[in-house]
Amino acid sequence: MADQIEQFLEAIGEKDNKFYIEKIQKNPGTIMENEKLVSVDLSGLELITLYPEMLAPLKGVETLILADNMLEYLPEGLFSELTGLKKLNLQGNPIYTYHPKAFVGLDELESLDLSRTQIFYLNQKIFDDLPNLKELDLSKTKLPASIRKRHSDTVKLKETIATERFYKKAPSRIYFWHNLTFSYLAILTFLLIPVFALKNGNSLDLTTGILFMLGILFLFLDFGVMKREIVNASKRFS
């Protein structure tokens, strides 16, 4: 068990972090059976980003608990090395989006917990990679009320998804992290207004007026970028 945990910590750049080692070993979800690591509890480690190669050292585990970390995005094939995984717990992460092939390779997965995440859509394609899924917990997410609960009938769930209109309102992170240009320009122009006003004896002149109008323009452009990202996202995941 120690070897696999140490290899995982090395993969995420925390090889000598004794706190992480002790925390993982003492977490109740970390279980050894016949000298084999069958369940590993990585909850509460403040993990921000994970990639397939980082999880590769945990190959062979049947239960993976990643609850209450800081994961926002699940990349393609994230769990592809964990082919024997039966239970995956991602609850409590601020996950707002994921690659349609994020769960590829999980042919044996029976339980997936996405409760208390920030997901606002559910791509039907993920079910193609989860043929044995028996339970999907979507409670306390940003999904429509008809989907926002624990499901044990995935066939019925897929039928519900097919007829459900998902919210088009996306979390601000979608555009905040990827389209900062107009946001920064708007902030900069508004910050310059008091500077020029003070320079002119607390009076407004043509320059401050132009800066104000530019700030408003950049805000409109920023909202335009946001709207475009939301529309494109809805097209990609519909």
C-alpha atoms as a PDB file:
ATOM      1  CA  MET A   1       0.000   0.000   0.000  1.00  0.00           C
ATOM      2  CA  ALA A   2       2.742   2.432   0.966  1.00  0.00           C
ATOM      3  CA  ASP A   3       4.477   1.960  -2.377  1.00  0.00           C
ATOM      4  CA  GLN A   4       1.396   2.846  -4.416  1.00  0.00           C
ATOM      5  CA  ILE A   5       0.609   5.854  -2.267  1.00  0.00           C
ATOM      6  CA  GLU A   6       4.200   7.096  -2.476  1.00  0.00           C
ATOM      7  CA  GLN A   7       4.192   6.639  -6.258  1.00  0.00           C
ATOM      8  CA  PHE A   8       0.955   8.612  -6.492  1.00  0.00           C
ATOM      9  CA  LEU A   9       2.365  11.417  -4.348  1.00  0.00           C
ATOM     10  CA  GLU A  10       5.500  11.479  -6.497  1.00  0.00           C
ATOM     11  CA  ALA A  11       3.318  11.780  -9.597  1.00  0.00           C
ATOM     12  CA  ILE A  12       1.529  14.839  -8.163  1.00  0.00           C
ATOM     13  CA  GLY A  13       4.780  16.403  -6.924  1.00  0.00           C
ATOM     14  CA  GLU A  14       4.288  15.631  -3.219  1.00  0.00           C
ATOM     15  CA  LYS A  15       6.742  12.742  -2.818  1.00  0.00           C
ATOM     16  CA  ASP A  16       8.146  13.794   0.562  1.00  0.00           C
ATOM     17  CA  ASN A  17       4.912  15.138   1.995  1.00  0.00           C
ATOM     18  CA  LYS A  18       4.573  13.077   5.183  1.00  0.00           C
ATOM     19  CA  PHE A  19       1.310  14.812   6.066  1.00  0.00           C
ATOM     20  CA  TYR A  20      -0.284  13.532   2.852  1.00  0.00           C
ATOM     21  CA  ILE A  21       1.037  10.000   3.410  1.00  0.00           C
ATOM     22  CA  GLU A  22      -0.315   9.827   6.963  1.00  0.00           C
ATOM     23  CA  LYS A  23      -3.622  11.416   6.006  1.00  0.00           C
ATOM     24  CA  ILE A  24      -4.236   8.971   3.147  1.00  0.00           C
ATOM     25  CA  GLN A  25      -3.265   5.964   5.268  1.00  0.00           C
ATOM     26  CA  LYS A  26      -5.462   7.083   8.176  1.00  0.00           C
ATOM     27  CA  ASN A  27      -8.488   8.031   6.048  1.00  0.00           C
ATOM     28  CA  PRO A  28     -11.253   5.454   6.697  1.00  0.00           C
ATOM     29  CA  GLY A  29     -11.699   4.800   2.971  1.00  0.00           C
ATOM     30  CA  THR A  30      -8.136   3.502   2.532  1.00  0.00           C
ATOM     31  CA  ILE A  31      -8.404  -0.281   2.837  1.00  0.00           C
ATOM     32  CA  MET A  32      -5.977  -3.175   2.384  1.00  0.00           C
ATOM     33  CA  GLU A  33      -7.101  -6.751   1.765  1.00  0.00           C
ATOM     34  CA  ASN A  34      -4.601  -9.609   1.535  1.00  0.00           C
ATOM     35  CA  GLU A  35      -1.760  -7.088   1.205  1.00  0.00           C
ATOM     36  CA  LYS A  36      -3.527  -5.469  -1.738  1.00  0.00           C
ATOM     37  CA  LEU A  37      -4.750  -1.876  -1.872  1.00  0.00           C
ATOM     38  CA  VAL A  38      -8.436  -2.223  -2.797  1.00  0.00           C
ATOM     39  CA  SER A  39      -9.664   1.209  -1.727  1.00  0.00           C
ATOM     40  CA  VAL A  40      -7.852   4.537  -1.465  1.00  0.00           C
ATOM     41  CA  ASP A  41      -9.221   7.660   0.189  1.00  0.00           C
ATOM     42  CA  LEU A  42      -7.738  10.882  -1.239  1.00  0.00           C
ATOM     43  CA  SER A  43     -10.402  13.146   0.209  1.00  0.00           C
ATOM     44  CA  GLY A  44      -9.545  16.550   1.642  1.00  0.00           C
ATOM     45  CA  LEU A  45      -6.079  16.836   0.087  1.00  0.00           C
ATOM     46  CA  GLU A  46      -6.881  20.130  -1.716  1.00  0.00           C
ATOM     47  CA  LEU A  47      -6.043  18.575  -5.080  1.00  0.00           C
ATOM     48  CA  ILE A  48      -6.581  21.137  -7.844  1.00  0.00           C
ATOM     49  CA  THR A  49      -5.669  19.233 -11.011  1.00  0.00           C
ATOM     50  CA  LEU A  50      -5.348  15.552 -11.918  1.00  0.00           C
ATOM     51  CA  TYR A  51      -4.232  13.816 -15.106  1.00  0.00           C
ATOM     52  CA  PRO A  52      -4.321  10.109 -16.121  1.00  0.00           C
ATOM     53  CA  GLU A  53      -0.614   9.566 -15.449  1.00  0.00           C
ATOM     54  CA  MET A  54      -1.047  10.825 -11.897  1.00  0.00           C
ATOM     55  CA  LEU A  55      -3.641   8.168 -11.096  1.00  0.00           C
ATOM     56  CA  ALA A  56      -1.775   5.367 -12.898  1.00  0.00           C
ATOM     57  CA  PRO A  57       0.081   4.232  -9.708  1.00  0.00           C
ATOM     58  CA  LEU A  58      -3.317   3.398  -8.166  1.00  0.00           C
ATOM     59  CA  LYS A  59      -4.113   0.792 -10.792  1.00  0.00           C
ATOM     60  CA  GLY A  60      -5.909  -2.175  -9.256  1.00  0.00           C
ATOM     61  CA  VAL A  61      -7.986  -0.300  -6.685  1.00  0.00           C
ATOM     62  CA  GLU A  62     -11.735  -0.962  -6.677  1.00  0.00           C
ATOM     63  CA  THR A  63     -12.780   2.186  -4.803  1.00  0.00           C
ATOM     64  CA  LEU A  64     -11.371   5.682  -5.305  1.00  0.00           C
ATOM     65  CA  ILE A  65     -12.485   8.521  -3.036  1.00  0.00           C
ATOM     66  CA  LEU A  66     -11.604  12.018  -4.230  1.00  0.00           C
ATOM     67  CA  ALA A  67     -14.235  13.851  -2.214  1.00  0.00           C
ATOM     68  CA  ASP A  68     -13.862  17.428  -0.960  1.00  0.00           C
ATOM     69  CA  ASN A  69     -10.885  18.430  -3.061  1.00  0.00           C
ATOM     70  CA  MET A  70     -10.611  21.423  -5.426  1.00  0.00           C
ATOM     71  CA  LEU A  71     -11.044  19.736  -8.799  1.00  0.00           C
ATOM     72  CA  GLU A  72     -12.858  21.942 -11.319  1.00  0.00           C
ATOM     73  CA  TYR A  73     -12.366  19.969 -14.538  1.00  0.00           C
ATOM     74  CA  LEU A  74     -12.085  16.270 -15.445  1.00  0.00           C
ATOM     75  CA  PRO A  75      -9.839  15.814 -18.494  1.00  0.00           C
ATOM     76  CA  GLU A  76     -10.122  13.110 -21.157  1.00  0.00           C
ATOM     77  CA  GLY A  77      -9.290   9.600 -19.954  1.00  0.00           C
ATOM     78  CA  LEU A  78      -8.612  10.746 -16.395  1.00  0.00           C
ATOM     79  CA  PHE A  79      -9.468   7.310 -14.954  1.00  0.00           C
ATOM     80  CA  SER A  80      -8.431   5.222 -17.979  1.00  0.00           C
ATOM     81  CA  GLU A  81      -5.693   3.396 -16.016  1.00  0.00           C
ATOM     82  CA  LEU A  82      -8.122   2.324 -13.282  1.00  0.00           C
ATOM     83  CA  THR A  83      -9.905  -0.323 -15.336  1.00  0.00           C
ATOM     84  CA  GLY A  84     -11.010  -2.367 -12.301  1.00  0.00           C
ATOM     85  CA  LEU A  85     -12.604   0.566 -10.497  1.00  0.00           C
ATOM     86  CA  LYS A  86     -16.100  -0.143  -9.151  1.00  0.00           C
ATOM     87  CA  LYS A  87     -16.796   2.922  -7.003  1.00  0.00           C
ATOM     88  CA  LEU A  88     -15.767   6.522  -7.693  1.00  0.00           C
ATOM     89  CA  ASN A  89     -16.557   9.326  -5.259  1.00  0.00           C
ATOM     90  CA  LEU A  90     -16.085  12.909  -6.495  1.00  0.00           C
ATOM     91  CA  GLN A  91     -18.554  14.639  -4.188  1.00  0.00           C
ATOM     92  CA  GLY A  92     -17.827  18.087  -2.839  1.00  0.00           C
ATOM     93  CA  ASN A  93     -15.476  19.148  -5.641  1.00  0.00           C
ATOM     94  CA  PRO A  94     -16.226  22.406  -7.525  1.00  0.00           C
ATOM     95  CA  ILE A  95     -16.418  20.441 -10.791  1.00  0.00           C
ATOM     96  CA  TYR A  96     -18.332  22.518 -13.324  1.00  0.00           C
ATOM     97  CA  THR A  97     -17.371  20.756 -16.539  1.00  0.00           C
ATOM     98  CA  TYR A  98     -15.718  17.589 -17.818  1.00  0.00           C
ATOM     99  CA  HIS A  99     -14.520  16.038 -21.057  1.00  0.00           C
ATOM    100  CA  PRO A 100     -17.140  13.710 -22.628  1.00  0.00           C
ATOM    101  CA  LYS A 101     -14.506  10.966 -22.435  1.00  0.00           C
ATOM    102  CA  ALA A 102     -13.464  11.674 -18.863  1.00  0.00           C
ATOM    103  CA  PHE A 103     -14.825   8.284 -17.719  1.00  0.00           C
ATOM    104  CA  VAL A 104     -13.514   6.163 -20.585  1.00  0.00           C
ATOM    105  CA  GLY A 105     -12.086   2.822 -19.438  1.00  0.00           C
ATOM    106  CA  LEU A 106     -14.387   2.446 -16.441  1.00  0.00           C
ATOM    107  CA  ASP A 107     -16.219  -0.590 -17.788  1.00  0.00           C
ATOM    108  CA  GLU A 108     -16.557  -2.093 -14.293  1.00  0.00           C
ATOM    109  CA  LEU A 109     -17.736   1.065 -12.519  1.00  0.00           C
ATOM    110  CA  GLU A 110     -20.960   0.494 -10.591  1.00  0.00           C
ATOM    111  CA  SER A 111     -21.250   3.649  -8.467  1.00  0.00           C
ATOM    112  CA  LEU A 112     -20.428   7.268  -9.336  1.00  0.00           C
ATOM    113  CA  ASP A 113     -20.932  10.061  -6.807  1.00  0.00           C
ATOM    114  CA  LEU A 114     -21.050  13.590  -8.256  1.00  0.00           C
ATOM    115  CA  SER A 115     -23.113  15.105  -5.458  1.00  0.00           C
ATOM    116  CA  ARG A 116     -22.331  18.610  -4.205  1.00  0.00           C
ATOM    117  CA  THR A 117     -20.433  19.449  -7.400  1.00  0.00           C
ATOM    118  CA  GLN A 118     -21.097  22.427  -9.692  1.00  0.00           C
ATOM    119  CA  ILE A 119     -22.026  20.519 -12.853  1.00  0.00           C
ATOM    120  CA  PHE A 120     -24.894  22.138 -14.747  1.00  0.00           C
ATOM    121  CA  TYR A 121     -25.261  19.696 -17.662  1.00  0.00           C
ATOM    122  CA  LEU A 122     -25.119  15.938 -18.086  1.00  0.00           C
ATOM    123  CA  ASN A 123     -23.682  14.590 -21.319  1.00  0.00           C
ATOM    124  CA  GLN A 124     -25.416  11.392 -22.437  1.00  0.00           C
ATOM    125  CA  LYS A 125     -22.157  10.185 -23.997  1.00  0.00           C
ATOM    126  CA  ILE A 126     -20.663   9.411 -20.597  1.00  0.00           C
ATOM    127  CA  PHE A 127     -23.025   6.447 -20.252  1.00  0.00           C
ATOM    128  CA  ASP A 128     -21.380   4.796 -23.276  1.00  0.00           C
ATOM    129  CA  ASP A 129     -18.219   4.388 -21.196  1.00  0.00           C
ATOM    130  CA  LEU A 130     -20.079   3.202 -18.078  1.00  0.00           C
ATOM    131  CA  PRO A 131     -21.956   0.041 -19.159  1.00  0.00           C
ATOM    132  CA  ASN A 132     -22.195  -1.370 -15.616  1.00  0.00           C
ATOM    133  CA  LEU A 133     -23.197   1.822 -13.820  1.00  0.00           C
ATOM    134  CA  LYS A 134     -25.920   1.068 -11.282  1.00  0.00           C
ATOM    135  CA  GLU A 135     -25.936   4.190  -9.131  1.00  0.00           C
ATOM    136  CA  LEU A 136     -25.296   7.852  -9.966  1.00  0.00           C
ATOM    137  CA  ASP A 137     -25.620  10.477  -7.251  1.00  0.00           C
ATOM    138  CA  LEU A 138     -26.366  13.953  -8.642  1.00  0.00           C
ATOM    139  CA  SER A 139     -27.893  15.488  -5.521  1.00  0.00           C
ATOM    140  CA  LYS A 140     -27.066  19.099  -4.607  1.00  0.00           C
ATOM    141  CA  THR A 141     -25.634  19.888  -8.058  1.00  0.00           C
ATOM    142  CA  LYS A 142     -26.576  22.683 -10.495  1.00  0.00           C
ATOM    143  CA  LEU A 143     -28.623  20.311 -12.639  1.00  0.00           C
ATOM    144  CA  PRO A 144     -32.407  20.658 -13.195  1.00  0.00           C
ATOM    145  CA  ALA A 145     -34.536  19.464 -10.280  1.00  0.00           C
ATOM    146  CA  SER A 146     -35.727  16.358 -12.167  1.00  0.00           C
ATOM    147  CA  ILE A 147     -32.141  15.100 -12.360  1.00  0.00           C
ATOM    148  CA  ARG A 148     -30.734  16.492  -9.119  1.00  0.00           C
ATOM    149  CA  LYS A 149     -30.981  13.376  -6.942  1.00  0.00           C
ATOM    150  CA  ARG A 150     -29.552   9.872  -6.459  1.00  0.00           C
ATOM    151  CA  HIS A 151     -30.402   7.571  -9.353  1.00  0.00           C
ATOM    152  CA  SER A 152     -30.416   3.774  -9.319  1.00  0.00           C
ATOM    153  CA  ASP A 153     -32.199   3.381 -12.670  1.00  0.00           C
ATOM    154  CA  THR A 154     -29.740   4.664 -15.281  1.00  0.00           C
ATOM    155  CA  VAL A 155     -32.041   3.690 -18.160  1.00  0.00           C
ATOM    156  CA  LYS A 156     -34.763   5.970 -16.834  1.00  0.00           C
ATOM    157  CA  LEU A 157     -32.165   8.655 -16.126  1.00  0.00           C
ATOM    158  CA  LYS A 158     -31.008   8.635 -19.753  1.00  0.00           C
ATOM    159  CA  GLU A 159     -34.629   9.005 -20.882  1.00  0.00           C
ATOM    160  CA  THR A 160     -35.063  11.982 -18.553  1.00  0.00           C
ATOM    161  CA  ILE A 161     -31.883  13.603 -19.822  1.00  0.00           C
ATOM    162  CA  ALA A 162     -33.033  13.240 -23.414  1.00  0.00           C
ATOM    163  CA  THR A 163     -36.134  15.338 -22.737  1.00  0.00           C
ATOM    164  CA  GLU A 164     -34.664  17.800 -20.242  1.00  0.00           C
ATOM    165  CA  ARG A 165     -33.709  21.357 -21.194  1.00  0.00           C
ATOM    166  CA  PHE A 166     -30.531  22.141 -19.330  1.00  0.00           C
ATOM    167  CA  TYR A 167     -29.883  25.563 -17.918  1.00  0.00           C
ATOM    168  CA  LYS A 168     -27.946  27.801 -20.277  1.00  0.00           C
ATOM    169  CA  LYS A 169     -26.552  29.829 -17.410  1.00  0.00           C
ATOM    170  CA  ALA A 170     -22.995  28.658 -16.782  1.00  0.00           C
ATOM    171  CA  PRO A 171     -20.767  29.410 -13.798  1.00  0.00           C
ATOM    172  CA  SER A 172     -18.639  32.526 -14.169  1.00  0.00           C
ATOM    173  CA  ARG A 173     -15.511  30.363 -14.110  1.00  0.00           C
ATOM    174  CA  ILE A 174     -16.196  29.291 -17.695  1.00  0.00           C
ATOM    175  CA  TYR A 175     -15.294  32.690 -19.047  1.00  0.00           C
ATOM    176  CA  PHE A 176     -13.385  34.150 -16.111  1.00  0.00           C
ATOM    177  CA  TRP A 177     -10.399  31.850 -16.507  1.00  0.00           C
ATOM    178  CA  HIS A 178     -10.351  31.737 -20.304  1.00  0.00           C
ATOM    179  CA  ASN A 179     -11.452  35.218 -21.422  1.00  0.00           C
ATOM    180  CA  LEU A 180      -9.810  37.748 -19.146  1.00  0.00           C
ATOM    181  CA  THR A 181      -8.829  40.337 -21.748  1.00  0.00           C
ATOM    182  CA  PHE A 182     -11.964  42.479 -21.785  1.00  0.00           C
ATOM    183  CA  SER A 183     -12.446  42.042 -18.029  1.00  0.00           C
ATOM    184  CA  TYR A 184      -8.971  43.441 -17.356  1.00  0.00           C
ATOM    185  CA  LEU A 185      -9.445  46.290 -19.826  1.00  0.00           C
ATOM    186  CA  ALA A 186     -12.749  47.269 -18.216  1.00  0.00           C
ATOM    187  CA  ILE A 187     -11.212  47.224 -14.723  1.00  0.00           C
ATOM    188  CA  LEU A 188      -8.198  49.211 -15.909  1.00  0.00           C
ATOM    189  CA  THR A 189     -10.255  51.938 -17.545  1.00  0.00           C
ATOM    190  CA  PHE A 190     -12.521  52.343 -14.502  1.00  0.00           C
ATOM    191  CA  LEU A 191      -9.461  52.555 -12.225  1.00  0.00           C
ATOM    192  CA  LEU A 192      -7.966  55.291 -14.392  1.00  0.00           C
ATOM    193  CA  ILE A 193     -11.044  57.523 -14.058  1.00  0.00           C
ATOM    194  CA  PRO A 194     -10.364  58.693 -10.464  1.00  0.00           C
ATOM    195  CA  VAL A 195      -6.657  59.085 -11.300  1.00  0.00           C
ATOM    196  CA  PHE A 196      -7.402  61.569 -14.094  1.00  0.00           C
ATOM    197  CA  ALA A 197     -10.169  63.208 -12.038  1.00  0.00           C
ATOM    198  CA  LEU A 198      -7.775  63.905  -9.161  1.00  0.00           C
ATOM    199  CA  LYS A 199      -5.134  65.108 -11.577  1.00  0.00           C
ATOM    200  CA  ASN A 200      -7.592  67.713 -12.845  1.00  0.00           C
ATOM    201  CA  GLY A 201      -8.618  68.916  -9.403  1.00  0.00           C
ATOM    202  CA  ASN A 202     -11.478  66.493  -8.758  1.00  0.00           C
ATOM    203  CA  SER A 203     -13.208  67.568 -11.951  1.00  0.00           C
ATOM    204  CA  LEU A 204     -14.377  65.398 -14.821  1.00  0.00           C
ATOM    205  CA  ASP A 205     -13.151  66.233 -18.300  1.00  0.00           C
ATOM    206  CA  LEU A 206     -13.231  64.739 -21.774  1.00  0.00           C
ATOM    207  CA  THR A 207     -10.552  62.163 -20.914  1.00  0.00           C
ATOM    208  CA  THR A 208     -12.450  60.740 -17.938  1.00  0.00           C
ATOM    209  CA  GLY A 209     -15.636  60.702 -19.985  1.00  0.00           C
ATOM    210  CA  ILE A 210     -13.901  58.726 -22.733  1.00  0.00           C
ATOM    211  CA  LEU A 211     -12.478  56.303 -20.160  1.00  0.00           C
ATOM    212  CA  PHE A 212     -15.945  55.766 -18.716  1.00  0.00           C
ATOM    213  CA  MET A 213     -17.396  55.011 -22.146  1.00  0.00           C
ATOM    214  CA  LEU A 214     -14.501  52.650 -22.909  1.00  0.00           C
ATOM    215  CA  GLY A 215     -15.106  50.827 -19.622  1.00  0.00           C
ATOM    216  CA  ILE A 216     -18.766  50.347 -20.511  1.00  0.00           C
ATOM    217  CA  LEU A 217     -17.762  49.132 -24.000  1.00  0.00           C
ATOM    218  CA  PHE A 218     -15.316  46.584 -22.581  1.00  0.00           C
ATOM    219  CA  LEU A 219     -17.989  45.313 -20.198  1.00  0.00           C
ATOM    220  CA  PHE A 220     -20.365  44.751 -23.095  1.00  0.00           C
ATOM    221  CA  LEU A 221     -17.608  42.944 -25.016  1.00  0.00           C
ATOM    222  CA  ASP A 222     -16.886  40.840 -21.925  1.00  0.00           C
ATOM    223  CA  PHE A 223     -20.545  39.827 -21.659  1.00  0.00           C
ATOM    224  CA  GLY A 224     -20.494  39.051 -25.378  1.00  0.00           C
ATOM    225  CA  VAL A 225     -17.558  36.695 -24.898  1.00  0.00           C
ATOM    226  CA  MET A 226     -19.346  35.056 -21.972  1.00  0.00           C
ATOM    227  CA  LYS A 227     -22.506  34.551 -24.014  1.00  0.00           C
ATOM    228  CA  ARG A 228     -20.510  33.054 -26.874  1.00  0.00           C
ATOM    229  CA  GLU A 229     -18.753  30.612 -24.531  1.00  0.00           C
ATOM    230  CA  ILE A 230     -22.056  29.504 -23.010  1.00  0.00           C
ATOM    231  CA  VAL A 231     -23.643  28.980 -26.435  1.00  0.00           C
ATOM    232  CA  ASN A 232     -20.615  27.042 -27.675  1.00  0.00           C
ATOM    233  CA  ALA A 233     -20.577  24.910 -24.516  1.00  0.00           C
ATOM    234  CA  SER A 234     -24.250  24.070 -24.871  1.00  0.00           C
ATOM    235  CA  LYS A 235     -23.662  23.025 -28.487  1.00  0.00           C
ATOM    236  CA  ARG A 236     -20.659  20.850 -27.593  1.00  0.00           C
ATOM    237  CA  PHE A 237     -22.389  19.019 -24.786  1.00  0.00           C
ATOM    238  CA  SER A 238     -25.904  18.690 -26.200  1.00  0.00           C
END
